[in-house]
Every structure is written in C-alpha cells, then in structure tokens.
Amino acid sequence: MLAAILTCGLTVTAMSACSSDDDKTDGQPQKEILYVVKISDDVLKVANVEVNYVDQTGAKKKESMTSTMWTKNYKLSNAASLNQGIWAKITPKTNIQEGTYLLKVISGVGCKTTSADGKISMGTSNSNPDEPATAAKTAEEIAAWCAKSPTSGLLVDASGSCKQQQVDFGGNSIWDYLIYPWCVYDCYAQGIEPEDCDC
C-alpha cells in the first residue's frame, strides 16, 4: 500500500497518469521526490513523532507529526548525485496510562524521473507495510516499539537513477531501510553481508 501511495502520489503531483510516458522535458531528466509517513491512530497518544528528512538541497530537516499522515514532495534540480532519506524518530511520552495501544508506522521515499524523451521511471525505498501493528500495554513495551522506528533512503544520481542508500540522521539504525527490498534477501542467500550488498 505504501508503495502505491508513493508511486501514485508522485504521478498525481506531476498531473499525469501512472502509465504515461507523454511528459516531455527540456532535454534534462526531471526528478521528483515524495516522502510519506503513516502511523496508526494510537501512536500520537503515546509518543511524539519527529520526521527527519533530506530536502532538495541535501540539507537535513525536521518536522513534527500532528496527524496520522505526513507527506512532502519536491523537484530535484541538482546535477550531482544526492542522498534522499527519511526517518520517523518516535519518542515515548511520559506518564502513559496503561491500556492496549495498537502501534504501527510505515515510511518511505519515492523517486520519479522523466527522461528527455518523456519516459518515466520510478524507484522506492520503504519500511515493510505488511508488518502487523504491535499491541503494547505498558510504558516499557511502548518504549521498545518506539526504539525500532524505520529509516528509508535512496541515492538519486544526475540521470535520475535511484538505488537503495543508507542515510545517517544520527540516532537511526542505518540498515532499517533494508527491511523490505528483496535484493537484500538474495544477498543473504549468497552469504553477502548487507554492507557489501549492491542494491
């Protein structure tokens, strides 16, 4: 579902159909980035969510989530390669009342490139949207869930080609973004460590 949001979100912002190759450019590839974070209703009852992301200049930015969905999109005009990444930093609140809280967060980054001849390609990096919500009852269980907040990242090169990339925001687990991409499982099957996996 998150991949669909990323893919169609990029397409809608460009005012074109998902399968369209009619968009023409001025001879340079047109690159667009979309970030998405979606959380379950209970998350903001027990935690603060700070979205850390990389903007179109390569600067790291932060915004607080106040609803269950956060998105941001922009065009890239850089000629050099640029890391794009997102981390939903989740911090438990104090004095949480005991109860049953269903906690889930999914986050991702999508890249859409329209080539000079109008061909569209897309790439995404996201946490596992199929992972079930965690039922947490105590402050300790909530804190343990918060500590696993996901990171996603892409390296977008000058041509607009995208590949999985770690982004260090200082505090995030740099391999969280590799939860979902299947190429990592292929690496493990071949005995290749994640650090040496060319995804």
C-alpha atoms as a PDB file:
ATOM      1  CA  MET A   1       0.000   0.000   0.000  1.00  0.00           C
ATOM      2  CA  LEU A   2       2.779   2.454   0.826  1.00  0.00           C
ATOM      3  CA  ALA A   3       4.458   1.708  -2.498  1.00  0.00           C
ATOM      4  CA  ALA A   4       1.163   2.557  -4.212  1.00  0.00           C
ATOM      5  CA  ILE A   5       0.925   5.828  -2.269  1.00  0.00           C
ATOM      6  CA  LEU A   6       4.499   6.723  -3.237  1.00  0.00           C
ATOM      7  CA  THR A   7       4.069   5.773  -6.881  1.00  0.00           C
ATOM      8  CA  CYS A   8       0.676   7.337  -7.477  1.00  0.00           C
ATOM      9  CA  GLY A   9       1.479  10.295  -5.221  1.00  0.00           C
ATOM     10  CA  LEU A  10       4.415  11.163  -7.431  1.00  0.00           C
ATOM     11  CA  THR A  11       2.272  10.729 -10.508  1.00  0.00           C
ATOM     12  CA  VAL A  12      -0.586  12.872  -9.209  1.00  0.00           C
ATOM     13  CA  THR A  13       1.743  15.714  -8.269  1.00  0.00           C
ATOM     14  CA  ALA A  14       3.036  15.691 -11.819  1.00  0.00           C
ATOM     15  CA  MET A  15      -0.552  15.772 -13.133  1.00  0.00           C
ATOM     16  CA  SER A  16      -0.061  12.665 -15.265  1.00  0.00           C
ATOM     17  CA  ALA A  17      -1.346   9.107 -15.380  1.00  0.00           C
ATOM     18  CA  CYS A  18       0.590   6.277 -13.700  1.00  0.00           C
ATOM     19  CA  SER A  19       1.409   4.672 -17.046  1.00  0.00           C
ATOM     20  CA  SER A  20       2.001   7.860 -19.005  1.00  0.00           C
ATOM     21  CA  ASP A  21       5.174   8.493 -20.984  1.00  0.00           C
ATOM     22  CA  ASP A  22       3.878  11.709 -22.568  1.00  0.00           C
ATOM     23  CA  ASP A  23       5.663  14.127 -20.233  1.00  0.00           C
ATOM     24  CA  LYS A  24       8.364  15.922 -22.211  1.00  0.00           C
ATOM     25  CA  THR A  25      11.308  17.739 -20.685  1.00  0.00           C
ATOM     26  CA  ASP A  26      13.726  20.447 -21.818  1.00  0.00           C
ATOM     27  CA  GLY A  27      16.484  17.934 -22.552  1.00  0.00           C
ATOM     28  CA  GLN A  28      17.366  17.221 -18.911  1.00  0.00           C
ATOM     29  CA  PRO A  29      15.856  14.476 -16.757  1.00  0.00           C
ATOM     30  CA  GLN A  30      13.147  15.806 -14.450  1.00  0.00           C
ATOM     31  CA  LYS A  31      13.409  14.310 -10.945  1.00  0.00           C
ATOM     32  CA  GLU A  32      10.749  14.414  -8.251  1.00  0.00           C
ATOM     33  CA  ILE A  33      10.831  13.117  -4.671  1.00  0.00           C
ATOM     34  CA  LEU A  34       7.916  12.160  -2.419  1.00  0.00           C
ATOM     35  CA  TYR A  35       8.176  11.317   1.279  1.00  0.00           C
ATOM     36  CA  VAL A  36       5.399   9.586   3.234  1.00  0.00           C
ATOM     37  CA  VAL A  37       4.983   8.630   6.891  1.00  0.00           C
ATOM     38  CA  LYS A  38       1.777   6.938   8.044  1.00  0.00           C
ATOM     39  CA  ILE A  39       1.092   5.968  11.651  1.00  0.00           C
ATOM     40  CA  SER A  40      -1.748   4.190  13.415  1.00  0.00           C
ATOM     41  CA  ASP A  41      -4.236   6.251  15.436  1.00  0.00           C
ATOM     42  CA  ASP A  42      -2.750   5.218  18.792  1.00  0.00           C
ATOM     43  CA  VAL A  43       0.819   6.357  18.093  1.00  0.00           C
ATOM     44  CA  LEU A  44       0.288  10.050  18.879  1.00  0.00           C
ATOM     45  CA  LYS A  45      -1.500   9.093  22.121  1.00  0.00           C
ATOM     46  CA  VAL A  46       1.694   7.569  23.495  1.00  0.00           C
ATOM     47  CA  ALA A  47       4.569   9.129  21.546  1.00  0.00           C
ATOM     48  CA  ASN A  48       5.909  12.175  19.764  1.00  0.00           C
ATOM     49  CA  VAL A  49       6.874  11.654  16.128  1.00  0.00           C
ATOM     50  CA  GLU A  50       9.558  13.793  14.536  1.00  0.00           C
ATOM     51  CA  VAL A  51      10.039  13.316  10.797  1.00  0.00           C
ATOM     52  CA  ASN A  52      13.677  13.711   9.765  1.00  0.00           C
ATOM     53  CA  TYR A  53      14.233  14.041   6.014  1.00  0.00           C
ATOM     54  CA  VAL A  54      16.674  15.300   3.417  1.00  0.00           C
ATOM     55  CA  ASP A  55      15.411  18.216   1.305  1.00  0.00           C
ATOM     56  CA  GLN A  56      16.129  19.100  -2.332  1.00  0.00           C
ATOM     57  CA  THR A  57      19.380  20.873  -1.404  1.00  0.00           C
ATOM     58  CA  GLY A  58      20.732  17.907   0.571  1.00  0.00           C
ATOM     59  CA  ALA A  59      20.060  19.574   3.951  1.00  0.00           C
ATOM     60  CA  LYS A  60      18.587  17.525   6.792  1.00  0.00           C
ATOM     61  CA  LYS A  61      15.289  18.900   8.098  1.00  0.00           C
ATOM     62  CA  LYS A  62      12.847  18.026  10.906  1.00  0.00           C
ATOM     63  CA  GLU A  63       9.081  18.379  11.264  1.00  0.00           C
ATOM     64  CA  SER A  64       6.705  17.182  13.978  1.00  0.00           C
ATOM     65  CA  MET A  65       3.774  14.969  13.039  1.00  0.00           C
ATOM     66  CA  THR A  66       0.383  16.175  14.272  1.00  0.00           C
ATOM     67  CA  SER A  67      -1.815  13.744  12.315  1.00  0.00           C
ATOM     68  CA  THR A  68      -1.614  10.138  11.144  1.00  0.00           C
ATOM     69  CA  MET A  69      -0.257  11.006   7.682  1.00  0.00           C
ATOM     70  CA  TRP A  70       2.675  13.234   6.701  1.00  0.00           C
ATOM     71  CA  THR A  71       3.812  13.839   3.118  1.00  0.00           C
ATOM     72  CA  LYS A  72       6.232  16.129   1.344  1.00  0.00           C
ATOM     73  CA  ASN A  73       7.223  16.338  -2.300  1.00  0.00           C
ATOM     74  CA  TYR A  74       9.532  18.478  -4.384  1.00  0.00           C
ATOM     75  CA  LYS A  75      11.551  18.529  -7.592  1.00  0.00           C
ATOM     76  CA  LEU A  76      15.287  17.948  -7.673  1.00  0.00           C
ATOM     77  CA  SER A  77      17.354  20.236  -9.876  1.00  0.00           C
ATOM     78  CA  ASN A  78      20.787  19.014  -8.816  1.00  0.00           C
ATOM     79  CA  ALA A  79      23.263  17.816 -11.436  1.00  0.00           C
ATOM     80  CA  ALA A  80      25.207  15.653  -8.960  1.00  0.00           C
ATOM     81  CA  SER A  81      24.140  12.557  -7.034  1.00  0.00           C
ATOM     82  CA  LEU A  82      22.138  13.276  -3.892  1.00  0.00           C
ATOM     83  CA  ASN A  83      21.037  11.122  -0.965  1.00  0.00           C
ATOM     84  CA  GLN A  84      17.333  11.346  -0.155  1.00  0.00           C
ATOM     85  CA  GLY A  85      16.136   9.793   3.078  1.00  0.00           C
ATOM     86  CA  ILE A  86      13.530   9.793   5.799  1.00  0.00           C
ATOM     87  CA  TRP A  87      13.461   8.691   9.441  1.00  0.00           C
ATOM     88  CA  ALA A  88      10.417   8.796  11.683  1.00  0.00           C
ATOM     89  CA  LYS A  89      12.009   9.374  15.097  1.00  0.00           C
ATOM     90  CA  ILE A  90       9.495   8.191  17.676  1.00  0.00           C
ATOM     91  CA  THR A  91       9.907   9.179  21.326  1.00  0.00           C
ATOM     92  CA  PRO A  92       7.580   7.836  24.032  1.00  0.00           C
ATOM     93  CA  LYS A  93       5.651  10.347  26.100  1.00  0.00           C
ATOM     94  CA  THR A  94       5.939  10.372  29.884  1.00  0.00           C
ATOM     95  CA  ASN A  95       3.144   9.285  32.245  1.00  0.00           C
ATOM     96  CA  ILE A  96       1.465   6.973  29.732  1.00  0.00           C
ATOM     97  CA  GLN A  97      -1.660   5.338  31.107  1.00  0.00           C
ATOM     98  CA  GLU A  98      -1.717   1.579  30.852  1.00  0.00           C
ATOM     99  CA  GLY A  99      -4.040   0.263  28.182  1.00  0.00           C
ATOM    100  CA  THR A 100      -3.841  -1.575  24.897  1.00  0.00           C
ATOM    101  CA  TYR A 101      -2.325   0.546  22.125  1.00  0.00           C
ATOM    102  CA  LEU A 102      -2.031  -0.678  18.543  1.00  0.00           C
ATOM    103  CA  LEU A 103       1.193   0.834  17.208  1.00  0.00           C
ATOM    104  CA  LYS A 104       2.307   0.885  13.587  1.00  0.00           C
ATOM    105  CA  VAL A 105       4.424   3.164  11.431  1.00  0.00           C
ATOM    106  CA  ILE A 106       5.335   2.863   7.776  1.00  0.00           C
ATOM    107  CA  SER A 107       7.555   5.327   5.982  1.00  0.00           C
ATOM    108  CA  GLY A 108       9.163   5.659   2.611  1.00  0.00           C
ATOM    109  CA  VAL A 109      10.717   7.755  -0.097  1.00  0.00           C
ATOM    110  CA  GLY A 110       9.809   7.591  -3.782  1.00  0.00           C
ATOM    111  CA  CYS A 111      11.645   8.973  -6.801  1.00  0.00           C
ATOM    112  CA  LYS A 112      10.089   9.690 -10.192  1.00  0.00           C
ATOM    113  CA  THR A 113      12.289  10.521 -13.174  1.00  0.00           C
ATOM    114  CA  THR A 114      11.028  11.735 -16.531  1.00  0.00           C
ATOM    115  CA  SER A 115      13.737  11.411 -19.182  1.00  0.00           C
ATOM    116  CA  ALA A 116      14.332  13.855 -22.030  1.00  0.00           C
ATOM    117  CA  ASP A 117      12.241  11.664 -24.345  1.00  0.00           C
ATOM    118  CA  GLY A 118       9.349  11.516 -21.863  1.00  0.00           C
ATOM    119  CA  LYS A 119       9.905   8.046 -20.431  1.00  0.00           C
ATOM    120  CA  ILE A 120       9.007   7.688 -16.753  1.00  0.00           C
ATOM    121  CA  SER A 121      10.832   5.506 -14.230  1.00  0.00           C
ATOM    122  CA  MET A 122      10.183   5.194 -10.510  1.00  0.00           C
ATOM    123  CA  GLY A 123      12.014   3.817  -7.502  1.00  0.00           C
ATOM    124  CA  THR A 124      11.009   3.470  -3.859  1.00  0.00           C
ATOM    125  CA  SER A 125      12.515   2.589  -0.508  1.00  0.00           C
ATOM    126  CA  ASN A 126      10.125   1.905   2.340  1.00  0.00           C
ATOM    127  CA  SER A 127       9.624   0.010   5.553  1.00  0.00           C
ATOM    128  CA  ASN A 128       7.550  -3.170   5.434  1.00  0.00           C
ATOM    129  CA  PRO A 129       3.877  -2.129   5.047  1.00  0.00           C
ATOM    130  CA  ASP A 130       2.722  -5.707   5.678  1.00  0.00           C
ATOM    131  CA  GLU A 131       4.199  -5.905   9.162  1.00  0.00           C
ATOM    132  CA  PRO A 132       1.284  -6.089  11.627  1.00  0.00           C
ATOM    133  CA  ALA A 133       0.642  -3.458  14.287  1.00  0.00           C
ATOM    134  CA  THR A 134       2.221  -4.065  17.691  1.00  0.00           C
ATOM    135  CA  ALA A 135      -0.135  -4.314  20.665  1.00  0.00           C
ATOM    136  CA  ALA A 136       1.630  -2.533  23.547  1.00  0.00           C
ATOM    137  CA  LYS A 137       0.227  -2.275  27.061  1.00  0.00           C
ATOM    138  CA  THR A 138       2.984  -0.914  29.292  1.00  0.00           C
ATOM    139  CA  ALA A 139       5.383   2.028  29.107  1.00  0.00           C
ATOM    140  CA  GLU A 140       8.241  -0.437  28.655  1.00  0.00           C
ATOM    141  CA  GLU A 141       6.568  -2.120  25.677  1.00  0.00           C
ATOM    142  CA  ILE A 142       5.813   1.267  24.117  1.00  0.00           C
ATOM    143  CA  ALA A 143       9.426   2.408  24.580  1.00  0.00           C
ATOM    144  CA  ALA A 144      10.706  -0.814  22.985  1.00  0.00           C
ATOM    145  CA  TRP A 145       8.444  -0.271  19.969  1.00  0.00           C
ATOM    146  CA  CYS A 146       9.485   3.387  19.626  1.00  0.00           C
ATOM    147  CA  ALA A 147      13.159   2.396  19.528  1.00  0.00           C
ATOM    148  CA  LYS A 148      12.540   0.496  16.268  1.00  0.00           C
ATOM    149  CA  SER A 149      11.403   3.486  14.203  1.00  0.00           C
ATOM    150  CA  PRO A 150      12.181   2.902  10.497  1.00  0.00           C
ATOM    151  CA  THR A 151      14.522   4.656   8.082  1.00  0.00           C
ATOM    152  CA  SER A 152      14.300   4.665   4.270  1.00  0.00           C
ATOM    153  CA  GLY A 153      16.737   6.084   1.738  1.00  0.00           C
ATOM    154  CA  LEU A 154      17.573   6.449  -1.943  1.00  0.00           C
ATOM    155  CA  LEU A 155      20.609   7.695  -3.807  1.00  0.00           C
ATOM    156  CA  VAL A 156      19.404   9.723  -6.808  1.00  0.00           C
ATOM    157  CA  ASP A 157      22.129  10.263  -9.393  1.00  0.00           C
ATOM    158  CA  ALA A 158      22.372  13.016 -12.017  1.00  0.00           C
ATOM    159  CA  SER A 159      20.490  10.920 -14.581  1.00  0.00           C
ATOM    160  CA  GLY A 160      17.645  10.324 -12.115  1.00  0.00           C
ATOM    161  CA  SER A 161      18.504   6.686 -11.496  1.00  0.00           C
ATOM    162  CA  CYS A 162      17.596   5.644  -7.926  1.00  0.00           C
ATOM    163  CA  LYS A 163      19.051   2.910  -5.733  1.00  0.00           C
ATOM    164  CA  GLN A 164      18.739   1.936  -2.074  1.00  0.00           C
ATOM    165  CA  GLN A 165      21.023   4.016   0.116  1.00  0.00           C
ATOM    166  CA  GLN A 166      21.580   4.420   3.840  1.00  0.00           C
ATOM    167  CA  VAL A 167      21.113   7.882   5.323  1.00  0.00           C
ATOM    168  CA  ASP A 168      22.532   8.593   8.776  1.00  0.00           C
ATOM    169  CA  PHE A 169      20.431  11.080  10.731  1.00  0.00           C
ATOM    170  CA  GLY A 170      22.362  10.453  13.954  1.00  0.00           C
ATOM    171  CA  GLY A 171      20.408   8.048  16.115  1.00  0.00           C
ATOM    172  CA  ASN A 172      18.642   5.944  13.499  1.00  0.00           C
ATOM    173  CA  SER A 173      19.506   2.373  12.675  1.00  0.00           C
ATOM    174  CA  ILE A 174      21.140   2.755   9.272  1.00  0.00           C
ATOM    175  CA  TRP A 175      20.009  -0.647   7.997  1.00  0.00           C
ATOM    176  CA  ASP A 176      16.301  -0.200   8.830  1.00  0.00           C
ATOM    177  CA  TYR A 177      15.635   0.967   5.302  1.00  0.00           C
ATOM    178  CA  LEU A 178      16.599  -2.503   4.065  1.00  0.00           C
ATOM    179  CA  ILE A 179      13.688  -4.243   5.777  1.00  0.00           C
ATOM    180  CA  TYR A 180      11.651  -4.651   2.598  1.00  0.00           C
ATOM    181  CA  PRO A 181      13.826  -4.662  -0.565  1.00  0.00           C
ATOM    182  CA  TRP A 182      14.089  -8.234  -1.840  1.00  0.00           C
ATOM    183  CA  CYS A 183      17.633  -7.818  -3.146  1.00  0.00           C
ATOM    184  CA  VAL A 184      18.903  -7.956   0.446  1.00  0.00           C
ATOM    185  CA  TYR A 185      17.403 -11.408   0.920  1.00  0.00           C
ATOM    186  CA  ASP A 186      19.218 -12.502  -2.238  1.00  0.00           C
ATOM    187  CA  CYS A 187      22.462 -11.200  -0.751  1.00  0.00           C
ATOM    188  CA  TYR A 188      21.906 -13.153   2.457  1.00  0.00           C
ATOM    189  CA  ALA A 189      21.190 -16.306   0.429  1.00  0.00           C
ATOM    190  CA  GLN A 190      24.587 -15.865  -1.228  1.00  0.00           C
ATOM    191  CA  GLY A 191      26.342 -15.210   2.085  1.00  0.00           C
ATOM    192  CA  ILE A 192      26.912 -11.498   1.349  1.00  0.00           C
ATOM    193  CA  GLU A 193      26.762  -9.056   4.266  1.00  0.00           C
ATOM    194  CA  PRO A 194      24.365  -6.050   3.954  1.00  0.00           C
ATOM    195  CA  GLU A 195      27.282  -3.619   3.882  1.00  0.00           C
ATOM    196  CA  ASP A 196      28.609  -5.372   0.755  1.00  0.00           C
ATOM    197  CA  CYS A 197      25.233  -5.778  -0.940  1.00  0.00           C
ATOM    198  CA  ASP A 198      24.870  -3.659  -4.096  1.00  0.00           C
ATOM    199  CA  CYS A 199      21.118  -2.923  -4.021  1.00  0.00           C
END
